[in-house]
Amino acid sequence: MNSILKTFKEHQISQYSELKILEFNKSEHYPISEGIQFESNHFAGEIFYYSSDKMKYCEMEFLIYLGENYKAKVVEETDIKEIENKIAEFLTKRMTELKNVA
């Protein structure tokens, strides 16, 4: 499952930032997990997805340096398409905020 990277690369924000870290870490508690970190001179973000038998969720964080505008969101979803949609929606809202700051 590489949905986070796919969603990030398809989003406009990928044109304005650099993918810094791409991780696929597994642990005993979350055997399925993936995540990315990205940044530019104006912002930084992280998106991670965790999945186990008991819980599935996606954490998204975004920081606009100017004004130190920080946003975070946790989405508990089991459907991967819905998670992709929530990630794209989160990134789109952050792009709008970036344009308003500029």
N, C-alpha and C. Protein backbone atom coordinates (compact mmCIF):
# COMPACT_ATOMS: atom_id res chain seq x y z
N MET A 1 0.85 -1.18 0.00
CA MET A 1 0.00 0.00 0.00
C MET A 1 0.89 1.23 0.00
N ASN A 2 0.82 1.99 -1.04
CA ASN A 2 1.64 3.18 -1.18
C ASN A 2 0.76 4.38 -1.50
N SER A 3 -0.37 4.44 -0.86
CA SER A 3 -1.39 5.44 -1.17
C SER A 3 -0.97 6.86 -0.80
N ILE A 4 -0.24 7.01 0.29
CA ILE A 4 0.17 8.35 0.71
C ILE A 4 1.09 8.96 -0.33
N LEU A 5 2.08 8.22 -0.77
CA LEU A 5 3.01 8.74 -1.77
C LEU A 5 2.29 9.05 -3.07
N LYS A 6 1.41 8.17 -3.49
CA LYS A 6 0.64 8.37 -4.73
C LYS A 6 -0.21 9.64 -4.62
N THR A 7 -0.91 9.80 -3.52
CA THR A 7 -1.77 10.97 -3.33
C THR A 7 -0.94 12.24 -3.28
N PHE A 8 0.19 12.21 -2.60
CA PHE A 8 1.08 13.37 -2.53
C PHE A 8 1.59 13.75 -3.91
N LYS A 9 2.08 12.78 -4.67
CA LYS A 9 2.64 13.08 -6.00
C LYS A 9 1.60 13.60 -6.98
N GLU A 10 0.35 13.18 -6.82
CA GLU A 10 -0.72 13.63 -7.70
C GLU A 10 -1.24 15.02 -7.31
N HIS A 11 -0.89 15.47 -6.11
CA HIS A 11 -1.39 16.75 -5.62
C HIS A 11 -0.47 17.89 -6.04
N GLN A 12 -1.05 19.06 -6.24
CA GLN A 12 -0.32 20.26 -6.66
C GLN A 12 0.80 20.62 -5.67
N ILE A 13 0.62 20.31 -4.41
CA ILE A 13 1.62 20.68 -3.40
C ILE A 13 2.97 20.02 -3.65
N SER A 14 2.98 18.89 -4.31
CA SER A 14 4.24 18.19 -4.59
C SER A 14 5.13 18.99 -5.54
N GLN A 15 4.53 19.89 -6.33
CA GLN A 15 5.31 20.72 -7.25
C GLN A 15 6.07 21.82 -6.51
N TYR A 16 5.66 22.12 -5.27
CA TYR A 16 6.24 23.21 -4.52
C TYR A 16 7.05 22.73 -3.31
N SER A 17 7.22 21.43 -3.17
CA SER A 17 7.95 20.91 -2.03
C SER A 17 8.80 19.72 -2.44
N GLU A 18 9.68 19.36 -1.55
CA GLU A 18 10.59 18.25 -1.79
C GLU A 18 10.26 17.13 -0.82
N LEU A 19 10.16 15.92 -1.34
CA LEU A 19 9.95 14.75 -0.50
C LEU A 19 11.24 14.49 0.24
N LYS A 20 11.21 14.60 1.57
CA LYS A 20 12.42 14.45 2.36
C LYS A 20 12.62 13.01 2.85
N ILE A 21 11.58 12.42 3.35
CA ILE A 21 11.69 11.07 3.90
C ILE A 21 10.48 10.26 3.46
N LEU A 22 10.76 9.10 2.98
CA LEU A 22 9.72 8.15 2.63
C LEU A 22 9.99 6.91 3.47
N GLU A 23 9.09 6.57 4.36
CA GLU A 23 9.32 5.46 5.27
C GLU A 23 8.19 4.45 5.17
N PHE A 24 8.57 3.22 5.29
CA PHE A 24 7.61 2.14 5.43
C PHE A 24 8.05 1.32 6.64
N ASN A 25 7.68 1.80 7.80
CA ASN A 25 8.09 1.16 9.05
C ASN A 25 6.97 0.28 9.57
N LYS A 26 7.35 -0.88 10.04
CA LYS A 26 6.38 -1.78 10.64
C LYS A 26 6.78 -2.01 12.08
N SER A 27 5.81 -2.17 12.92
CA SER A 27 6.07 -2.47 14.32
C SER A 27 5.13 -3.58 14.76
N GLU A 28 5.35 -4.04 15.94
CA GLU A 28 4.51 -5.10 16.49
C GLU A 28 3.06 -4.65 16.60
N HIS A 29 2.86 -3.40 17.02
CA HIS A 29 1.50 -2.89 17.22
C HIS A 29 0.84 -2.44 15.93
N TYR A 30 1.65 -1.98 14.97
CA TYR A 30 1.11 -1.52 13.69
C TYR A 30 1.88 -2.19 12.55
N PRO A 31 1.48 -3.40 12.18
CA PRO A 31 2.23 -4.13 11.15
C PRO A 31 2.17 -3.49 9.76
N ILE A 32 1.17 -2.67 9.52
CA ILE A 32 1.09 -1.94 8.25
C ILE A 32 1.19 -0.46 8.58
N SER A 33 2.23 0.17 8.10
CA SER A 33 2.37 1.61 8.29
C SER A 33 3.20 2.18 7.16
N GLU A 34 2.92 3.41 6.83
CA GLU A 34 3.67 4.11 5.80
C GLU A 34 3.60 5.60 6.10
N GLY A 35 4.57 6.34 5.58
CA GLY A 35 4.54 7.76 5.83
C GLY A 35 5.55 8.53 5.01
N ILE A 36 5.31 9.82 4.93
CA ILE A 36 6.22 10.71 4.22
C ILE A 36 6.42 11.99 5.02
N GLN A 37 7.53 12.66 4.75
CA GLN A 37 7.78 14.02 5.22
C GLN A 37 8.18 14.82 3.99
N PHE A 38 7.70 16.06 3.93
CA PHE A 38 8.03 16.92 2.80
C PHE A 38 8.20 18.34 3.31
N GLU A 39 8.95 19.14 2.54
CA GLU A 39 9.15 20.52 2.96
C GLU A 39 9.59 21.40 1.80
N SER A 40 9.47 22.69 2.04
CA SER A 40 9.96 23.71 1.13
C SER A 40 10.53 24.83 1.99
N ASN A 41 10.87 25.94 1.39
CA ASN A 41 11.33 27.09 2.17
C ASN A 41 10.21 27.75 2.95
N HIS A 42 8.95 27.41 2.63
CA HIS A 42 7.80 28.08 3.23
C HIS A 42 6.96 27.19 4.14
N PHE A 43 7.10 25.87 4.02
CA PHE A 43 6.26 24.97 4.80
C PHE A 43 6.90 23.60 4.94
N ALA A 44 6.34 22.82 5.84
CA ALA A 44 6.76 21.42 6.03
C ALA A 44 5.53 20.61 6.41
N GLY A 45 5.56 19.33 6.09
CA GLY A 45 4.43 18.48 6.42
C GLY A 45 4.83 17.03 6.61
N GLU A 46 3.96 16.30 7.29
CA GLU A 46 4.11 14.87 7.50
C GLU A 46 2.75 14.22 7.35
N ILE A 47 2.75 13.04 6.75
CA ILE A 47 1.52 12.25 6.66
C ILE A 47 1.92 10.80 6.94
N PHE A 48 1.27 10.21 7.93
CA PHE A 48 1.55 8.82 8.29
C PHE A 48 0.25 8.05 8.44
N TYR A 49 0.28 6.80 8.01
CA TYR A 49 -0.87 5.90 8.12
C TYR A 49 -0.46 4.71 8.96
N TYR A 50 -1.28 4.36 9.92
CA TYR A 50 -1.02 3.23 10.81
C TYR A 50 -2.21 2.28 10.75
N SER A 51 -1.91 0.98 10.76
CA SER A 51 -2.98 -0.01 10.69
C SER A 51 -2.62 -1.24 11.52
N SER A 52 -3.57 -1.68 12.31
CA SER A 52 -3.45 -2.93 13.06
C SER A 52 -4.82 -3.57 13.09
N ASP A 53 -4.92 -4.69 13.75
CA ASP A 53 -6.22 -5.35 13.86
C ASP A 53 -7.23 -4.50 14.63
N LYS A 54 -6.74 -3.70 15.57
CA LYS A 54 -7.62 -2.94 16.44
C LYS A 54 -7.91 -1.53 15.95
N MET A 55 -6.98 -0.94 15.20
CA MET A 55 -7.14 0.47 14.86
C MET A 55 -6.47 0.78 13.53
N LYS A 56 -7.09 1.66 12.77
CA LYS A 56 -6.52 2.18 11.53
C LYS A 56 -6.73 3.69 11.54
N TYR A 57 -5.64 4.42 11.33
CA TYR A 57 -5.79 5.87 11.30
C TYR A 57 -4.66 6.52 10.52
N CYS A 58 -4.91 7.76 10.12
CA CYS A 58 -3.95 8.54 9.36
C CYS A 58 -3.74 9.86 10.10
N GLU A 59 -2.47 10.20 10.34
CA GLU A 59 -2.11 11.47 10.96
C GLU A 59 -1.54 12.39 9.90
N MET A 60 -1.99 13.63 9.90
CA MET A 60 -1.49 14.63 8.96
C MET A 60 -1.10 15.88 9.74
N GLU A 61 0.07 16.41 9.44
CA GLU A 61 0.55 17.63 10.09
C GLU A 61 1.11 18.55 9.02
N PHE A 62 0.93 19.87 9.24
CA PHE A 62 1.39 20.84 8.26
C PHE A 62 1.75 22.13 8.99
N LEU A 63 2.90 22.67 8.69
CA LEU A 63 3.35 23.92 9.31
C LEU A 63 3.73 24.91 8.22
N ILE A 64 3.08 26.08 8.24
CA ILE A 64 3.47 27.19 7.39
C ILE A 64 4.39 28.06 8.24
N TYR A 65 5.63 28.22 7.78
CA TYR A 65 6.63 28.92 8.59
C TYR A 65 6.23 30.35 8.91
N LEU A 66 5.75 31.09 7.92
CA LEU A 66 5.36 32.48 8.14
C LEU A 66 4.14 32.50 9.05
N GLY A 67 4.28 33.08 10.21
CA GLY A 67 3.17 33.12 11.15
C GLY A 67 3.05 31.86 11.99
N GLU A 68 3.92 30.90 11.74
CA GLU A 68 3.90 29.63 12.46
C GLU A 68 2.50 29.03 12.53
N ASN A 69 1.88 28.93 11.38
CA ASN A 69 0.53 28.39 11.26
C ASN A 69 0.61 26.86 11.19
N TYR A 70 0.17 26.19 12.26
CA TYR A 70 0.28 24.74 12.37
C TYR A 70 -1.12 24.12 12.33
N LYS A 71 -1.27 23.08 11.52
CA LYS A 71 -2.54 22.34 11.45
C LYS A 71 -2.23 20.85 11.56
N ALA A 72 -3.11 20.14 12.22
CA ALA A 72 -2.97 18.69 12.33
C ALA A 72 -4.36 18.07 12.25
N LYS A 73 -4.39 16.84 11.76
CA LYS A 73 -5.67 16.15 11.64
C LYS A 73 -5.41 14.66 11.77
N VAL A 74 -6.29 13.97 12.46
CA VAL A 74 -6.25 12.51 12.56
C VAL A 74 -7.55 11.99 11.98
N VAL A 75 -7.42 11.05 11.07
CA VAL A 75 -8.59 10.46 10.41
C VAL A 75 -8.61 8.97 10.70
N GLU A 76 -9.71 8.50 11.25
CA GLU A 76 -9.87 7.07 11.49
C GLU A 76 -10.76 6.51 10.39
N GLU A 77 -10.15 5.85 9.46
CA GLU A 77 -10.87 5.29 8.31
C GLU A 77 -10.31 3.90 8.00
N THR A 78 -11.13 3.07 7.43
CA THR A 78 -10.65 1.76 7.00
C THR A 78 -10.58 1.66 5.48
N ASP A 79 -11.33 2.49 4.80
CA ASP A 79 -11.35 2.46 3.34
C ASP A 79 -10.21 3.31 2.78
N ILE A 80 -9.34 2.71 2.01
CA ILE A 80 -8.15 3.40 1.51
C ILE A 80 -8.53 4.55 0.58
N LYS A 81 -9.56 4.44 -0.20
CA LYS A 81 -10.00 5.53 -1.08
C LYS A 81 -10.44 6.74 -0.26
N GLU A 82 -11.13 6.47 0.84
CA GLU A 82 -11.56 7.56 1.71
C GLU A 82 -10.36 8.25 2.36
N ILE A 83 -9.37 7.47 2.74
CA ILE A 83 -8.14 8.05 3.30
C ILE A 83 -7.45 8.91 2.25
N GLU A 84 -7.33 8.43 1.03
CA GLU A 84 -6.73 9.22 -0.05
C GLU A 84 -7.48 10.53 -0.24
N ASN A 85 -8.81 10.47 -0.20
CA ASN A 85 -9.62 11.68 -0.35
C ASN A 85 -9.38 12.66 0.79
N LYS A 86 -9.27 12.15 2.02
CA LYS A 86 -9.04 13.01 3.18
C LYS A 86 -7.65 13.65 3.11
N ILE A 87 -6.65 12.91 2.65
CA ILE A 87 -5.31 13.47 2.49
C ILE A 87 -5.33 14.58 1.45
N ALA A 88 -5.94 14.32 0.30
CA ALA A 88 -6.02 15.33 -0.76
C ALA A 88 -6.76 16.58 -0.28
N GLU A 89 -7.84 16.39 0.45
CA GLU A 89 -8.61 17.52 1.00
C GLU A 89 -7.76 18.33 1.98
N PHE A 90 -7.03 17.65 2.85
CA PHE A 90 -6.16 18.32 3.83
C PHE A 90 -5.09 19.14 3.10
N LEU A 91 -4.44 18.55 2.10
CA LEU A 91 -3.40 19.26 1.36
C LEU A 91 -3.96 20.44 0.58
N THR A 92 -5.15 20.30 0.01
CA THR A 92 -5.79 21.39 -0.73
C THR A 92 -6.08 22.57 0.19
N LYS A 93 -6.57 22.29 1.39
CA LYS A 93 -6.83 23.37 2.34
C LYS A 93 -5.54 24.07 2.74
N ARG A 94 -4.46 23.32 2.89
CA ARG A 94 -3.18 23.93 3.25
C ARG A 94 -2.64 24.77 2.11
N MET A 95 -2.84 24.35 0.86
CA MET A 95 -2.43 25.15 -0.30
C MET A 95 -3.17 26.48 -0.31
N THR A 96 -4.45 26.45 0.00
CA THR A 96 -5.25 27.68 0.06
C THR A 96 -4.70 28.62 1.13
N GLU A 97 -4.34 28.06 2.29
CA GLU A 97 -3.76 28.87 3.36
C GLU A 97 -2.44 29.46 2.93
N LEU A 98 -1.63 28.68 2.23
CA LEU A 98 -0.34 29.19 1.75
C LEU A 98 -0.54 30.36 0.80
N LYS A 99 -1.50 30.26 -0.10
CA LYS A 99 -1.77 31.34 -1.05
C LYS A 99 -2.26 32.59 -0.33
N ASN A 100 -3.02 32.42 0.74
CA ASN A 100 -3.53 33.55 1.50
C ASN A 100 -2.43 34.25 2.29
N VAL A 101 -1.40 33.49 2.70
CA VAL A 101 -0.28 34.05 3.46
C VAL A 101 0.66 34.81 2.52
N ALA A 102 0.80 34.31 1.32
CA ALA A 102 1.77 34.89 0.36
C ALA A 102 1.41 36.26 -0.10
